[in-house]
Amino acid sequence: MRKLIKKVVYCLIAFVGFYVSAFFWHKVDLHAWYTFPTLVTIALAEAGLIALAIWKSID
């Protein structure tokens, strides 16, 4: 049970971290060609891959 909680916490940290970084990157780079929803989509995709790697690595 502890391993499951650990996996879920790490995955949530990955998702929140990428969402926050996308938000701040959007605010800093005002001349970017992409929009905030695009950044969030990219961030969620990357966070999903990292979460999957974390999920598989914790046994």
Protein backbone atom coordinates (compact mmCIF):
# COMPACT_ATOMS: atom_id res chain seq x y z
CA MET A 1 0.00 0.00 0.00
CA ARG A 2 2.85 2.38 0.79
CA LYS A 3 4.38 1.82 -2.64
CA LEU A 4 1.09 2.69 -4.30
CA ILE A 5 0.82 5.90 -2.29
CA LYS A 6 4.42 6.73 -3.13
CA LYS A 7 3.76 6.18 -6.85
CA VAL A 8 0.63 8.34 -6.79
CA VAL A 9 2.40 11.17 -4.93
CA TYR A 10 5.36 11.18 -7.32
CA CYS A 11 3.04 11.15 -10.33
CA LEU A 12 1.03 14.06 -8.94
CA ILE A 13 4.24 16.00 -8.34
CA ALA A 14 5.23 15.38 -11.97
CA PHE A 15 1.87 16.60 -13.28
CA VAL A 16 1.74 19.69 -11.06
CA GLY A 17 5.37 20.55 -11.76
CA PHE A 18 4.94 20.43 -15.52
CA TYR A 19 1.69 22.40 -15.38
CA VAL A 20 3.29 25.13 -13.25
CA SER A 21 6.36 25.26 -15.49
CA ALA A 22 4.14 25.57 -18.57
CA PHE A 23 2.22 28.41 -16.92
CA PHE A 24 5.35 30.36 -16.02
CA TRP A 25 6.99 29.68 -19.39
CA HIS A 26 3.90 31.10 -21.08
CA LYS A 27 4.03 34.21 -18.90
CA VAL A 28 7.74 34.80 -19.51
CA ASP A 29 7.90 34.12 -23.25
CA LEU A 30 5.28 36.53 -24.57
CA HIS A 31 6.43 36.37 -28.19
CA ALA A 32 6.00 32.62 -28.48
CA TRP A 33 4.04 31.13 -31.38
CA TYR A 34 2.23 28.68 -29.16
CA THR A 35 -0.69 29.33 -26.87
CA PHE A 36 -1.22 28.39 -23.25
CA PRO A 37 -3.51 25.41 -24.03
CA THR A 38 -0.80 24.03 -26.33
CA LEU A 39 1.75 24.37 -23.55
CA VAL A 40 -0.55 22.63 -21.09
CA THR A 41 -1.09 19.78 -23.54
CA ILE A 42 2.65 19.37 -24.06
CA ALA A 43 3.25 19.58 -20.31
CA LEU A 44 0.62 16.94 -19.58
CA ALA A 45 2.07 14.64 -22.23
CA GLU A 46 5.57 14.99 -20.78
CA ALA A 47 4.29 14.60 -17.24
CA GLY A 48 2.40 11.50 -18.32
CA LEU A 49 5.56 9.95 -19.70
CA ILE A 50 7.50 10.80 -16.56
CA ALA A 51 4.67 9.47 -14.39
CA LEU A 52 4.68 6.25 -16.38
CA ALA A 53 8.43 5.92 -15.92
CA ILE A 54 8.08 6.56 -12.18
CA TRP A 55 5.21 4.09 -11.95
CA LYS A 56 7.24 1.36 -13.67
CA SER A 57 10.45 2.06 -11.74
CA ILE A 58 9.01 1.80 -8.23
CA ASP A 59 8.56 -1.86 -7.38
